[in-house]
Amino acid sequence: MSLNSVSGTSSLMNNTEDSDIIELQNRLQFTKNIQSVVLTGRNRHVIFSGVLLLQNENKNYIETWTVLLNDMLLFTQRNAIDTRLTLVCNAIYLNDIVDFRSSDERQDALIFLSNKPNMPYKIRY
């Protein structure tokens, strides 16, 4: 499956450079404290996209448009004016995830990374 638009509709894709990845790369914006990431040229494809709540450093939950690629996870915020997506934290490479704990009762999850094992990302779905 691949991302066609911010609405999250999906379609089957082929093995060539994924046009949805190119579109996503063109729509991504980076603030000065967020490391930029190049999505194209690595045989990447979108597995899932949708709304998740991410707990920020103030312990508040912010709505994010989350994009799961075959090798990374992106938390973005949608621009109300156009289709731009601003990355709200550095891209998370899936091979850096060392633990994932979820609670269906609370509908939340913790994502633990190898480079900061004591500071998990907390998401709510």
PDB file of N, CA and C in Angstrom:
ATOM      1  N   MET A   1       0.841  -1.179   0.000  1.00  0.00           N
ATOM      2  CA  MET A   1       0.000   0.000   0.000  1.00  0.00           C
ATOM      3  C   MET A   1       0.880   1.233   0.000  1.00  0.00           C
ATOM      4  N   SER A   2       0.323   2.349  -0.457  1.00  0.00           N
ATOM      5  CA  SER A   2       1.086   3.590  -0.473  1.00  0.00           C
ATOM      6  C   SER A   2       0.173   4.774  -0.227  1.00  0.00           C
ATOM      7  N   LEU A   3       0.758   5.858   0.191  1.00  0.00           N
ATOM      8  CA  LEU A   3       0.020   7.068   0.518  1.00  0.00           C
ATOM      9  C   LEU A   3      -0.297   7.841  -0.741  1.00  0.00           C
ATOM     10  N   ASN A   4      -1.584   8.136  -0.968  1.00  0.00           N
ATOM     11  CA  ASN A   4      -1.970   8.942  -2.121  1.00  0.00           C
ATOM     12  C   ASN A   4      -2.173  10.398  -1.752  1.00  0.00           C
ATOM     13  N   SER A   5      -2.607  10.658  -0.539  1.00  0.00           N
ATOM     14  CA  SER A   5      -2.886  12.037  -0.141  1.00  0.00           C
ATOM     15  C   SER A   5      -2.919  12.111   1.370  1.00  0.00           C
ATOM     16  N   VAL A   6      -3.090  13.302   1.871  1.00  0.00           N
ATOM     17  CA  VAL A   6      -3.194  13.497   3.310  1.00  0.00           C
ATOM     18  C   VAL A   6      -4.406  12.760   3.860  1.00  0.00           C
ATOM     19  N   SER A   7      -5.370  12.467   3.018  1.00  0.00           N
ATOM     20  CA  SER A   7      -6.559  11.751   3.476  1.00  0.00           C
ATOM     21  C   SER A   7      -6.252  10.311   3.841  1.00  0.00           C
ATOM     22  N   GLY A   8      -5.093   9.800   3.405  1.00  0.00           N
ATOM     23  CA  GLY A   8      -4.705   8.464   3.798  1.00  0.00           C
ATOM     24  C   GLY A   8      -5.263   7.362   2.931  1.00  0.00           C
ATOM     25  N   THR A   9      -5.805   7.680   1.782  1.00  0.00           N
ATOM     26  CA  THR A   9      -6.264   6.617   0.898  1.00  0.00           C
ATOM     27  C   THR A   9      -5.060   5.853   0.400  1.00  0.00           C
ATOM     28  N   SER A  10      -5.249   4.608   0.032  1.00  0.00           N
ATOM     29  CA  SER A  10      -4.107   3.804  -0.374  1.00  0.00           C
ATOM     30  C   SER A  10      -4.384   3.060  -1.662  1.00  0.00           C
ATOM     31  N   SER A  11      -3.305   2.624  -2.289  1.00  0.00           N
ATOM     32  CA  SER A  11      -3.417   1.875  -3.527  1.00  0.00           C
ATOM     33  C   SER A  11      -2.246   0.923  -3.639  1.00  0.00           C
ATOM     34  N   LEU A  12      -2.330  -0.032  -4.564  1.00  0.00           N
ATOM     35  CA  LEU A  12      -1.208  -0.923  -4.823  1.00  0.00           C
ATOM     36  C   LEU A  12      -0.126  -0.148  -5.547  1.00  0.00           C
ATOM     37  N   MET A  13       1.140  -0.551  -5.356  1.00  0.00           N
ATOM     38  CA  MET A  13       2.227   0.170  -5.999  1.00  0.00           C
ATOM     39  C   MET A  13       3.122  -0.796  -6.750  1.00  0.00           C
ATOM     40  N   ASN A  14       3.974  -0.270  -7.616  1.00  0.00           N
ATOM     41  CA  ASN A  14       4.913  -1.109  -8.346  1.00  0.00           C
ATOM     42  C   ASN A  14       6.314  -0.935  -7.774  1.00  0.00           C
ATOM     43  N   ASN A  15       7.303  -1.576  -8.381  1.00  0.00           N
ATOM     44  CA  ASN A  15       8.654  -1.586  -7.840  1.00  0.00           C
ATOM     45  C   ASN A  15       9.503  -0.401  -8.269  1.00  0.00           C
ATOM     46  N   THR A  16       9.032   0.468  -9.151  1.00  0.00           N
ATOM     47  CA  THR A  16       9.808   1.634  -9.549  1.00  0.00           C
ATOM     48  C   THR A  16       9.810   2.643  -8.409  1.00  0.00           C
ATOM     49  N   GLU A  17      10.571   3.737  -8.596  1.00  0.00           N
ATOM     50  CA  GLU A  17      10.589   4.780  -7.566  1.00  0.00           C
ATOM     51  C   GLU A  17       9.155   5.174  -7.269  1.00  0.00           C
ATOM     52  N   ASP A  18       8.750   5.006  -6.044  1.00  0.00           N
ATOM     53  CA  ASP A  18       7.367   5.206  -5.632  1.00  0.00           C
ATOM     54  C   ASP A  18       6.986   6.684  -5.754  1.00  0.00           C
ATOM     55  N   SER A  19       6.004   6.972  -6.588  1.00  0.00           N
ATOM     56  CA  SER A  19       5.576   8.363  -6.780  1.00  0.00           C
ATOM     57  C   SER A  19       5.025   8.955  -5.488  1.00  0.00           C
ATOM     58  N   ASP A  20       4.458   8.125  -4.627  1.00  0.00           N
ATOM     59  CA  ASP A  20       3.956   8.622  -3.350  1.00  0.00           C
ATOM     60  C   ASP A  20       5.097   9.028  -2.419  1.00  0.00           C
ATOM     61  N   ILE A  21       6.232   8.332  -2.495  1.00  0.00           N
ATOM     62  CA  ILE A  21       7.405   8.711  -1.700  1.00  0.00           C
ATOM     63  C   ILE A  21       7.952  10.039  -2.205  1.00  0.00           C
ATOM     64  N   ILE A  22       7.981  10.215  -3.517  1.00  0.00           N
ATOM     65  CA  ILE A  22       8.431  11.485  -4.100  1.00  0.00           C
ATOM     66  C   ILE A  22       7.504  12.612  -3.658  1.00  0.00           C
ATOM     67  N   GLU A  23       6.202  12.370  -3.714  1.00  0.00           N
ATOM     68  CA  GLU A  23       5.228  13.374  -3.265  1.00  0.00           C
ATOM     69  C   GLU A  23       5.421  13.688  -1.786  1.00  0.00           C
ATOM     70  N   LEU A  24       5.600  12.664  -0.966  1.00  0.00           N
ATOM     71  CA  LEU A  24       5.817  12.865   0.465  1.00  0.00           C
ATOM     72  C   LEU A  24       7.086  13.678   0.703  1.00  0.00           C
ATOM     73  N   GLN A  25       8.171  13.351   0.009  1.00  0.00           N
ATOM     74  CA  GLN A  25       9.422  14.100   0.148  1.00  0.00           C
ATOM     75  C   GLN A  25       9.210  15.576  -0.192  1.00  0.00           C
ATOM     76  N   ASN A  26       8.469  15.845  -1.256  1.00  0.00           N
ATOM     77  CA  ASN A  26       8.212  17.225  -1.674  1.00  0.00           C
ATOM     78  C   ASN A  26       7.342  17.980  -0.683  1.00  0.00           C
ATOM     79  N   ARG A  27       6.509  17.282   0.052  1.00  0.00           N
ATOM     80  CA  ARG A  27       5.605  17.925   1.009  1.00  0.00           C
ATOM     81  C   ARG A  27       6.221  18.114   2.387  1.00  0.00           C
ATOM     82  N   LEU A  28       7.303  17.388   2.683  1.00  0.00           N
ATOM     83  CA  LEU A  28       7.917  17.454   4.010  1.00  0.00           C
ATOM     84  C   LEU A  28       8.636  18.771   4.235  1.00  0.00           C
ATOM     85  N   GLN A  29       8.448  19.318   5.425  1.00  0.00           N
ATOM     86  CA  GLN A  29       9.163  20.518   5.869  1.00  0.00           C
ATOM     87  C   GLN A  29       9.886  20.174   7.164  1.00  0.00           C
ATOM     88  N   PHE A  30      11.012  20.847   7.386  1.00  0.00           N
ATOM     89  CA  PHE A  30      11.818  20.590   8.570  1.00  0.00           C
ATOM     90  C   PHE A  30      12.059  21.904   9.299  1.00  0.00           C
ATOM     91  N   THR A  31      11.828  21.915  10.607  1.00  0.00           N
ATOM     92  CA  THR A  31      12.181  23.081  11.408  1.00  0.00           C
ATOM     93  C   THR A  31      13.676  23.003  11.701  1.00  0.00           C
ATOM     94  N   LYS A  32      14.247  24.092  12.223  1.00  0.00           N
ATOM     95  CA  LYS A  32      15.701  24.120  12.397  1.00  0.00           C
ATOM     96  C   LYS A  32      16.209  23.121  13.440  1.00  0.00           C
ATOM     97  N   ASN A  33      15.363  22.680  14.365  1.00  0.00           N
ATOM     98  CA  ASN A  33      15.823  21.714  15.370  1.00  0.00           C
ATOM     99  C   ASN A  33      15.550  20.259  14.975  1.00  0.00           C
ATOM    100  N   ILE A  34      15.004  20.036  13.786  1.00  0.00           N
ATOM    101  CA  ILE A  34      14.705  18.690  13.289  1.00  0.00           C
ATOM    102  C   ILE A  34      15.670  18.356  12.153  1.00  0.00           C
ATOM    103  N   GLN A  35      16.272  17.187  12.242  1.00  0.00           N
ATOM    104  CA  GLN A  35      17.210  16.734  11.214  1.00  0.00           C
ATOM    105  C   GLN A  35      16.448  16.383   9.934  1.00  0.00           C
ATOM    106  N   SER A  36      16.906  16.922   8.808  1.00  0.00           N
ATOM    107  CA  SER A  36      16.238  16.607   7.539  1.00  0.00           C
ATOM    108  C   SER A  36      16.534  15.166   7.148  1.00  0.00           C
ATOM    109  N   VAL A  37      15.640  14.592   6.355  1.00  0.00           N
ATOM    110  CA  VAL A  37      15.780  13.204   5.934  1.00  0.00           C
ATOM    111  C   VAL A  37      15.420  13.105   4.454  1.00  0.00           C
ATOM    112  N   VAL A  38      16.175  12.306   3.726  1.00  0.00           N
ATOM    113  CA  VAL A  38      15.895  12.067   2.310  1.00  0.00           C
ATOM    114  C   VAL A  38      15.165  10.733   2.207  1.00  0.00           C
ATOM    115  N   LEU A  39      13.970  10.767   1.647  1.00  0.00           N
ATOM    116  CA  LEU A  39      13.147   9.560   1.546  1.00  0.00           C
ATOM    117  C   LEU A  39      13.352   8.805   0.245  1.00  0.00           C
ATOM    118  N   THR A  40      13.731   9.513  -0.809  1.00  0.00           N
ATOM    119  CA  THR A  40      13.828   8.902  -2.136  1.00  0.00           C
ATOM    120  C   THR A  40      15.139   8.136  -2.303  1.00  0.00           C
ATOM    121  N   GLY A  41      15.157   7.236  -3.275  1.00  0.00           N
ATOM    122  CA  GLY A  41      16.367   6.530  -3.636  1.00  0.00           C
ATOM    123  C   GLY A  41      16.746   5.365  -2.754  1.00  0.00           C
ATOM    124  N   ARG A  42      15.880   4.933  -1.876  1.00  0.00           N
ATOM    125  CA  ARG A  42      16.213   3.836  -0.967  1.00  0.00           C
ATOM    126  C   ARG A  42      15.185   2.708  -1.029  1.00  0.00           C
ATOM    127  N   ASN A  43      14.430   2.648  -2.113  1.00  0.00           N
ATOM    128  CA  ASN A  43      13.400   1.625  -2.276  1.00  0.00           C
ATOM    129  C   ASN A  43      12.398   1.638  -1.119  1.00  0.00           C
ATOM    130  N   ARG A  44      12.055   2.836  -0.668  1.00  0.00           N
ATOM    131  CA  ARG A  44      11.100   2.978   0.430  1.00  0.00           C
ATOM    132  C   ARG A  44       9.681   2.961  -0.105  1.00  0.00           C
ATOM    133  N   HIS A  45       8.773   2.521   0.757  1.00  0.00           N
ATOM    134  CA  HIS A  45       7.361   2.606   0.430  1.00  0.00           C
ATOM    135  C   HIS A  45       6.559   2.776   1.716  1.00  0.00           C
ATOM    136  N   VAL A  46       5.366   3.330   1.568  1.00  0.00           N
ATOM    137  CA  VAL A  46       4.482   3.596   2.694  1.00  0.00           C
ATOM    138  C   VAL A  46       3.724   2.320   3.039  1.00  0.00           C
ATOM    139  N   ILE A  47       3.741   1.976   4.313  1.00  0.00           N
ATOM    140  CA  ILE A  47       2.985   0.829   4.801  1.00  0.00           C
ATOM    141  C   ILE A  47       1.657   1.290   5.386  1.00  0.00           C
ATOM    142  N   PHE A  48       1.671   2.399   6.120  1.00  0.00           N
ATOM    143  CA  PHE A  48       0.475   2.907   6.796  1.00  0.00           C
ATOM    144  C   PHE A  48       0.634   4.400   6.999  1.00  0.00           C
ATOM    145  N   SER A  49      -0.473   5.103   7.014  1.00  0.00           N
ATOM    146  CA  SER A  49      -0.474   6.508   7.425  1.00  0.00           C
ATOM    147  C   SER A  49      -1.806   6.802   8.084  1.00  0.00           C
ATOM    148  N   GLY A  50      -1.765   7.664   9.083  1.00  0.00           N
ATOM    149  CA  GLY A  50      -2.993   8.024   9.776  1.00  0.00           C
ATOM    150  C   GLY A  50      -2.705   8.892  10.983  1.00  0.00           C
ATOM    151  N   VAL A  51      -3.751   9.259  11.682  1.00  0.00           N
ATOM    152  CA  VAL A  51      -3.653  10.154  12.831  1.00  0.00           C
ATOM    153  C   VAL A  51      -3.311   9.361  14.092  1.00  0.00           C
ATOM    154  N   LEU A  52      -2.297   9.830  14.802  1.00  0.00           N
ATOM    155  CA  LEU A  52      -1.943   9.330  16.130  1.00  0.00           C
ATOM    156  C   LEU A  52      -1.664  10.541  17.005  1.00  0.00           C
ATOM    157  N   LEU A  53      -1.859  10.384  18.300  1.00  0.00           N
ATOM    158  CA  LEU A  53      -1.500  11.433  19.242  1.00  0.00           C
ATOM    159  C   LEU A  53      -0.114  11.121  19.792  1.00  0.00           C
ATOM    160  N   LEU A  54       0.753  12.125  19.819  1.00  0.00           N
ATOM    161  CA  LEU A  54       2.121  11.981  20.312  1.00  0.00           C
ATOM    162  C   LEU A  54       2.289  12.899  21.512  1.00  0.00           C
ATOM    163  N   GLN A  55       2.824  12.356  22.606  1.00  0.00           N
ATOM    164  CA  GLN A  55       3.056  13.177  23.791  1.00  0.00           C
ATOM    165  C   GLN A  55       4.317  14.011  23.576  1.00  0.00           C
ATOM    166  N   ASN A  56       4.181  15.334  23.762  1.00  0.00           N
ATOM    167  CA  ASN A  56       5.342  16.209  23.581  1.00  0.00           C
ATOM    168  C   ASN A  56       6.094  16.379  24.897  1.00  0.00           C
ATOM    169  N   GLU A  57       7.140  17.201  24.875  1.00  0.00           N
ATOM    170  CA  GLU A  57       7.970  17.380  26.068  1.00  0.00           C
ATOM    171  C   GLU A  57       7.222  18.020  27.232  1.00  0.00           C
ATOM    172  N   ASN A  58       6.090  18.682  26.972  1.00  0.00           N
ATOM    173  CA  ASN A  58       5.267  19.277  28.031  1.00  0.00           C
ATOM    174  C   ASN A  58       4.224  18.309  28.565  1.00  0.00           C
ATOM    175  N   LYS A  59       4.295  17.043  28.135  1.00  0.00           N
ATOM    176  CA  LYS A  59       3.369  15.977  28.535  1.00  0.00           C
ATOM    177  C   LYS A  59       1.967  16.161  27.967  1.00  0.00           C
ATOM    178  N   ASN A  60       1.828  17.043  26.981  1.00  0.00           N
ATOM    179  CA  ASN A  60       0.554  17.214  26.281  1.00  0.00           C
ATOM    180  C   ASN A  60       0.564  16.340  25.040  1.00  0.00           C
ATOM    181  N   TYR A  61      -0.611  15.873  24.645  1.00  0.00           N
ATOM    182  CA  TYR A  61      -0.712  15.094  23.411  1.00  0.00           C
ATOM    183  C   TYR A  61      -1.033  16.026  22.254  1.00  0.00           C
ATOM    184  N   ILE A  62      -0.284  15.873  21.179  1.00  0.00           N
ATOM    185  CA  ILE A  62      -0.540  16.652  19.971  1.00  0.00           C
ATOM    186  C   ILE A  62      -0.956  15.691  18.858  1.00  0.00           C
ATOM    187  N   GLU A  63      -1.866  16.148  18.020  1.00  0.00           N
ATOM    188  CA  GLU A  63      -2.307  15.321  16.907  1.00  0.00           C
ATOM    189  C   GLU A  63      -1.238  15.322  15.827  1.00  0.00           C
ATOM    190  N   THR A  64      -0.856  14.146  15.381  1.00  0.00           N
ATOM    191  CA  THR A  64       0.137  14.033  14.317  1.00  0.00           C
ATOM    192  C   THR A  64      -0.411  13.193  13.180  1.00  0.00           C
ATOM    193  N   TRP A  65       0.065  13.478  11.980  1.00  0.00           N
ATOM    194  CA  TRP A  65      -0.168  12.614  10.832  1.00  0.00           C
ATOM    195  C   TRP A  65       1.071  11.726  10.784  1.00  0.00           C
ATOM    196  N   THR A  66       0.891  10.463  11.109  1.00  0.00           N
ATOM    197  CA  THR A  66       1.993   9.525  11.238  1.00  0.00           C
ATOM    198  C   THR A  66       2.120   8.700   9.971  1.00  0.00           C
ATOM    199  N   VAL A  67       3.346   8.569   9.489  1.00  0.00           N
ATOM    200  CA  VAL A  67       3.610   7.799   8.275  1.00  0.00           C
ATOM    201  C   VAL A  67       4.611   6.702   8.629  1.00  0.00           C
ATOM    202  N   LEU A  68       4.181   5.449   8.454  1.00  0.00           N
ATOM    203  CA  LEU A  68       5.053   4.304   8.667  1.00  0.00           C
ATOM    204  C   LEU A  68       5.569   3.839   7.314  1.00  0.00           C
ATOM    205  N   LEU A  69       6.876   3.941   7.137  1.00  0.00           N
ATOM    206  CA  LEU A  69       7.530   3.451   5.927  1.00  0.00           C
ATOM    207  C   LEU A  69       8.121   2.075   6.227  1.00  0.00           C
ATOM    208  N   ASN A  70       8.633   1.414   5.231  1.00  0.00           N
ATOM    209  CA  ASN A  70       9.199   0.088   5.456  1.00  0.00           C
ATOM    210  C   ASN A  70      10.451   0.106   6.334  1.00  0.00           C
ATOM    211  N   ASP A  71      11.078   1.279   6.537  1.00  0.00           N
ATOM    212  CA  ASP A  71      12.269   1.334   7.386  1.00  0.00           C
ATOM    213  C   ASP A  71      12.286   2.494   8.375  1.00  0.00           C
ATOM    214  N   MET A  72      11.242   3.303   8.411  1.00  0.00           N
ATOM    215  CA  MET A  72      11.218   4.426   9.351  1.00  0.00           C
ATOM    216  C   MET A  72       9.797   4.855   9.678  1.00  0.00           C
ATOM    217  N   LEU A  73       9.702   5.643  10.746  1.00  0.00           N
ATOM    218  CA  LEU A  73       8.437   6.178  11.231  1.00  0.00           C
ATOM    219  C   LEU A  73       8.565   7.692  11.282  1.00  0.00           C
ATOM    220  N   LEU A  74       7.586   8.390  10.713  1.00  0.00           N
ATOM    221  CA  LEU A  74       7.587   9.854  10.685  1.00  0.00           C
ATOM    222  C   LEU A  74       6.363  10.382  11.414  1.00  0.00           C
ATOM    223  N   PHE A  75       6.582  11.298  12.363  1.00  0.00           N
ATOM    224  CA  PHE A  75       5.489  12.008  13.023  1.00  0.00           C
ATOM    225  C   PHE A  75       5.472  13.421  12.449  1.00  0.00           C
ATOM    226  N   THR A  76       4.380  13.795  11.795  1.00  0.00           N
ATOM    227  CA  THR A  76       4.280  15.107  11.161  1.00  0.00           C
ATOM    228  C   THR A  76       3.007  15.808  11.607  1.00  0.00           C
ATOM    229  N   GLN A  77       2.965  17.105  11.347  1.00  0.00           N
ATOM    230  CA  GLN A  77       1.728  17.865  11.517  1.00  0.00           C
ATOM    231  C   GLN A  77       1.345  18.440  10.173  1.00  0.00           C
ATOM    232  N   ARG A  78       0.052  18.361   9.882  1.00  0.00           N
ATOM    233  CA  ARG A  78      -0.455  18.860   8.605  1.00  0.00           C
ATOM    234  C   ARG A  78      -0.660  20.360   8.673  1.00  0.00           C
ATOM    235  N   ASN A  79      -0.341  21.024   7.578  1.00  0.00           N
ATOM    236  CA  ASN A  79      -0.560  22.452   7.440  1.00  0.00           C
ATOM    237  C   ASN A  79      -2.019  22.667   7.053  1.00  0.00           C
ATOM    238  N   ALA A  80      -2.704  23.561   7.726  1.00  0.00           N
ATOM    239  CA  ALA A  80      -4.123  23.799   7.445  1.00  0.00           C
ATOM    240  C   ALA A  80      -4.347  24.496   6.109  1.00  0.00           C
ATOM    241  N   ILE A  81      -3.331  25.193   5.606  1.00  0.00           N
ATOM    242  CA  ILE A  81      -3.488  25.977   4.383  1.00  0.00           C
ATOM    243  C   ILE A  81      -3.232  25.152   3.130  1.00  0.00           C
ATOM    244  N   ASP A  82      -2.190  24.326   3.158  1.00  0.00           N
ATOM    245  CA  ASP A  82      -1.861  23.522   1.977  1.00  0.00           C
ATOM    246  C   ASP A  82      -1.572  22.082   2.405  1.00  0.00           C
ATOM    247  N   THR A  83      -0.907  21.335   1.572  1.00  0.00           N
ATOM    248  CA  THR A  83      -0.681  19.915   1.868  1.00  0.00           C
ATOM    249  C   THR A  83       0.680  19.637   2.499  1.00  0.00           C
ATOM    250  N   ARG A  84       1.373  20.658   2.944  1.00  0.00           N
ATOM    251  CA  ARG A  84       2.694  20.462   3.538  1.00  0.00           C
ATOM    252  C   ARG A  84       2.580  19.716   4.872  1.00  0.00           C
ATOM    253  N   LEU A  85       3.610  18.927   5.141  1.00  0.00           N
ATOM    254  CA  LEU A  85       3.714  18.170   6.385  1.00  0.00           C
ATOM    255  C   LEU A  85       5.007  18.572   7.078  1.00  0.00           C
ATOM    256  N   THR A  86       4.916  19.015   8.325  1.00  0.00           N
ATOM    257  CA  THR A  86       6.093  19.422   9.083  1.00  0.00           C
ATOM    258  C   THR A  86       6.466  18.316  10.057  1.00  0.00           C
ATOM    259  N   LEU A  87       7.696  17.843   9.967  1.00  0.00           N
ATOM    260  CA  LEU A  87       8.182  16.811  10.873  1.00  0.00           C
ATOM    261  C   LEU A  87       8.253  17.398  12.282  1.00  0.00           C
ATOM    262  N   VAL A  88       7.644  16.725  13.276  1.00  0.00           N
ATOM    263  CA  VAL A  88       7.623  17.256  14.639  1.00  0.00           C
ATOM    264  C   VAL A  88       8.733  16.682  15.513  1.00  0.00           C
ATOM    265  N   CYS A  89       9.370  15.607  15.057  1.00  0.00           N
ATOM    266  CA  CYS A  89      10.538  15.054  15.744  1.00  0.00           C
ATOM    267  C   CYS A  89      11.395  14.362  14.690  1.00  0.00           C
ATOM    268  N   ASN A  90      12.614  14.059  15.031  1.00  0.00           N
ATOM    269  CA  ASN A  90      13.491  13.391  14.070  1.00  0.00           C
ATOM    270  C   ASN A  90      12.875  12.071  13.623  1.00  0.00           C
ATOM    271  N   ALA A  91      13.151  11.703  12.394  1.00  0.00           N
ATOM    272  CA  ALA A  91      12.666  10.426  11.869  1.00  0.00           C
ATOM    273  C   ALA A  91      13.167   9.293  12.760  1.00  0.00           C
ATOM    274  N   ILE A  92      12.313   8.312  12.987  1.00  0.00           N
ATOM    275  CA  ILE A  92      12.673   7.151  13.800  1.00  0.00           C
ATOM    276  C   ILE A  92      12.922   5.981  12.853  1.00  0.00           C
ATOM    277  N   TYR A  93      14.158   5.503  12.825  1.00  0.00           N
ATOM    278  CA  TYR A  93      14.472   4.334  12.010  1.00  0.00           C
ATOM    279  C   TYR A  93      14.012   3.087  12.755  1.00  0.00           C
ATOM    280  N   LEU A  94      13.332   2.206  12.058  1.00  0.00           N
ATOM    281  CA  LEU A  94      12.751   1.031  12.702  1.00  0.00           C
ATOM    282  C   LEU A  94      13.808   0.142  13.346  1.00  0.00           C
ATOM    283  N   ASN A  95      15.015   0.098  12.786  1.00  0.00           N
ATOM    284  CA  ASN A  95      16.056  -0.730  13.402  1.00  0.00           C
ATOM    285  C   ASN A  95      16.596  -0.124  14.698  1.00  0.00           C
ATOM    286  N   ASP A  96      16.218   1.124  15.030  1.00  0.00           N
ATOM    287  CA  ASP A  96      16.585   1.742  16.306  1.00  0.00           C
ATOM    288  C   ASP A  96      15.577   1.439  17.407  1.00  0.00           C
ATOM    289  N   ILE A  97      14.425   0.889  17.057  1.00  0.00           N
ATOM    290  CA  ILE A  97      13.405   0.560  18.055  1.00  0.00           C
ATOM    291  C   ILE A  97      13.807  -0.736  18.741  1.00  0.00           C
ATOM    292  N   VAL A  98      13.968  -0.662  20.074  1.00  0.00           N
ATOM    293  CA  VAL A  98      14.382  -1.843  20.833  1.00  0.00           C
ATOM    294  C   VAL A  98      13.235  -2.464  21.621  1.00  0.00           C
ATOM    295  N   ASP A  99      12.156  -1.707  21.832  1.00  0.00           N
ATOM    296  CA  ASP A  99      11.006  -2.244  22.563  1.00  0.00           C
ATOM    297  C   ASP A  99       9.772  -1.439  22.208  1.00  0.00           C
ATOM    298  N   PHE A 100       8.646  -2.098  22.251  1.00  0.00           N
ATOM    299  CA  PHE A 100       7.353  -1.468  21.984  1.00  0.00           C
ATOM    300  C   PHE A 100       6.362  -2.081  22.958  1.00  0.00           C
ATOM    301  N   ARG A 101       5.774  -1.245  23.807  1.00  0.00           N
ATOM    302  CA  ARG A 101       4.813  -1.731  24.803  1.00  0.00           C
ATOM    303  C   ARG A 101       3.496  -0.998  24.605  1.00  0.00           C
ATOM    304  N   SER A 102       2.432  -1.765  24.456  1.00  0.00           N
ATOM    305  CA  SER A 102       1.130  -1.130  24.244  1.00  0.00           C
ATOM    306  C   SER A 102       0.131  -1.589  25.295  1.00  0.00           C
ATOM    307  N   SER A 103      -0.853  -0.742  25.530  1.00  0.00           N
ATOM    308  CA  SER A 103      -1.932  -1.030  26.464  1.00  0.00           C
ATOM    309  C   SER A 103      -3.250  -0.778  25.750  1.00  0.00           C
ATOM    310  N   ASP A 104      -3.953  -1.848  25.417  1.00  0.00           N
ATOM    311  CA  ASP A 104      -5.252  -1.689  24.768  1.00  0.00           C
ATOM    312  C   ASP A 104      -6.254  -1.013  25.693  1.00  0.00           C
ATOM    313  N   GLU A 105      -6.099  -1.244  26.987  1.00  0.00           N
ATOM    314  CA  GLU A 105      -7.012  -0.644  27.961  1.00  0.00           C
ATOM    315  C   GLU A 105      -6.928   0.881  27.929  1.00  0.00           C
ATOM    316  N   ARG A 106      -5.702   1.416  27.870  1.00  0.00           N
ATOM    317  CA  ARG A 106      -5.512   2.873  27.845  1.00  0.00           C
ATOM    318  C   ARG A 106      -5.377   3.412  26.432  1.00  0.00           C
ATOM    319  N   GLN A 107      -5.303   2.528  25.454  1.00  0.00           N
ATOM    320  CA  GLN A 107      -5.118   2.889  24.049  1.00  0.00           C
ATOM    321  C   GLN A 107      -3.885   3.767  23.849  1.00  0.00           C
ATOM    322  N   ASP A 108      -2.784   3.338  24.470  1.00  0.00           N
ATOM    323  CA  ASP A 108      -1.533   4.049  24.262  1.00  0.00           C
ATOM    324  C   ASP A 108      -0.389   3.055  24.118  1.00  0.00           C
ATOM    325  N   ALA A 109       0.759   3.565  23.740  1.00  0.00           N
ATOM    326  CA  ALA A 109       1.931   2.714  23.538  1.00  0.00           C
ATOM    327  C   ALA A 109       3.194   3.510  23.818  1.00  0.00           C
ATOM    328  N   LEU A 110       4.246   2.792  24.173  1.00  0.00           N
ATOM    329  CA  LEU A 110       5.569   3.372  24.375  1.00  0.00           C
ATOM    330  C   LEU A 110       6.512   2.780  23.340  1.00  0.00           C
ATOM    331  N   ILE A 111       7.301   3.647  22.710  1.00  0.00           N
ATOM    332  CA  ILE A 111       8.293   3.218  21.730  1.00  0.00           C
ATOM    333  C   ILE A 111       9.665   3.548  22.305  1.00  0.00           C
ATOM    334  N   PHE A 112      10.467   2.518  22.556  1.00  0.00           N
ATOM    335  CA  PHE A 112      11.795   2.692  23.127  1.00  0.00           C
ATOM    336  C   PHE A 112      12.846   2.599  22.028  1.00  0.00           C
ATOM    337  N   LEU A 113      13.773   3.558  22.014  1.00  0.00           N
ATOM    338  CA  LEU A 113      14.836   3.591  21.010  1.00  0.00           C
ATOM    339  C   LEU A 113      16.182   3.258  21.643  1.00  0.00           C
ATOM    340  N   SER A 114      17.069   2.675  20.853  1.00  0.00           N
ATOM    341  CA  SER A 114      18.388   2.279  21.357  1.00  0.00           C
ATOM    342  C   SER A 114      19.219   3.472  21.812  1.00  0.00           C
ATOM    343  N   ASN A 115      19.076   4.624  21.157  1.00  0.00           N
ATOM    344  CA  ASN A 115      19.902   5.786  21.510  1.00  0.00           C
ATOM    345  C   ASN A 115      19.361   6.592  22.686  1.00  0.00           C
ATOM    346  N   LYS A 116      18.144   6.324  23.137  1.00  0.00           N
ATOM    347  CA  LYS A 116      17.613   6.954  24.354  1.00  0.00           C
ATOM    348  C   LYS A 116      16.602   6.011  25.010  1.00  0.00           C
ATOM    349  N   PRO A 117      17.100   4.933  25.622  1.00  0.00           N
ATOM    350  CA  PRO A 117      16.215   3.901  26.170  1.00  0.00           C
ATOM    351  C   PRO A 117      15.376   4.346  27.361  1.00  0.00           C
ATOM    352  N   ASN A 118      15.773   5.427  28.031  1.00  0.00           N
ATOM    353  CA  ASN A 118      15.020   5.896  29.197  1.00  0.00           C
ATOM    354  C   ASN A 118      14.035   7.008  28.865  1.00  0.00           C
ATOM    355  N   MET A 119      13.932   7.359  27.584  1.00  0.00           N
ATOM    356  CA  MET A 119      13.029   8.429  27.160  1.00  0.00           C
ATOM    357  C   MET A 119      12.167   7.941  25.996  1.00  0.00           C
ATOM    358  N   PRO A 120      11.191   7.084  26.275  1.00  0.00           N
ATOM    359  CA  PRO A 120      10.382   6.540  25.172  1.00  0.00           C
ATOM    360  C   PRO A 120       9.433   7.578  24.584  1.00  0.00           C
ATOM    361  N   TYR A 121       9.069   7.349  23.334  1.00  0.00           N
ATOM    362  CA  TYR A 121       8.002   8.122  22.709  1.00  0.00           C
ATOM    363  C   TYR A 121       6.691   7.518  23.185  1.00  0.00           C
ATOM    364  N   LYS A 122       5.758   8.364  23.585  1.00  0.00           N
ATOM    365  CA  LYS A 122       4.455   7.874  24.036  1.00  0.00           C
ATOM    366  C   LYS A 122       3.410   8.310  23.022  1.00  0.00           C
ATOM    367  N   ILE A 123       2.662   7.332  22.517  1.00  0.00           N
ATOM    368  CA  ILE A 123       1.623   7.624  21.533  1.00  0.00           C
ATOM    369  C   ILE A 123       0.284   7.122  22.042  1.00  0.00           C
ATOM    370  N   ARG A 124      -0.758   7.733  21.551  1.00  0.00           N
ATOM    371  CA  ARG A 124      -2.128   7.314  21.864  1.00  0.00           C
ATOM    372  C   ARG A 124      -2.851   7.123  20.547  1.00  0.00           C
ATOM    373  N   TYR A 125      -3.619   6.043  20.457  1.00  0.00           N
ATOM    374  CA  TYR A 125      -4.316   5.725  19.215  1.00  0.00           C
ATOM    375  C   TYR A 125      -5.802   5.637  19.420  1.00  0.00           C
TER     376      TYR A 125
END
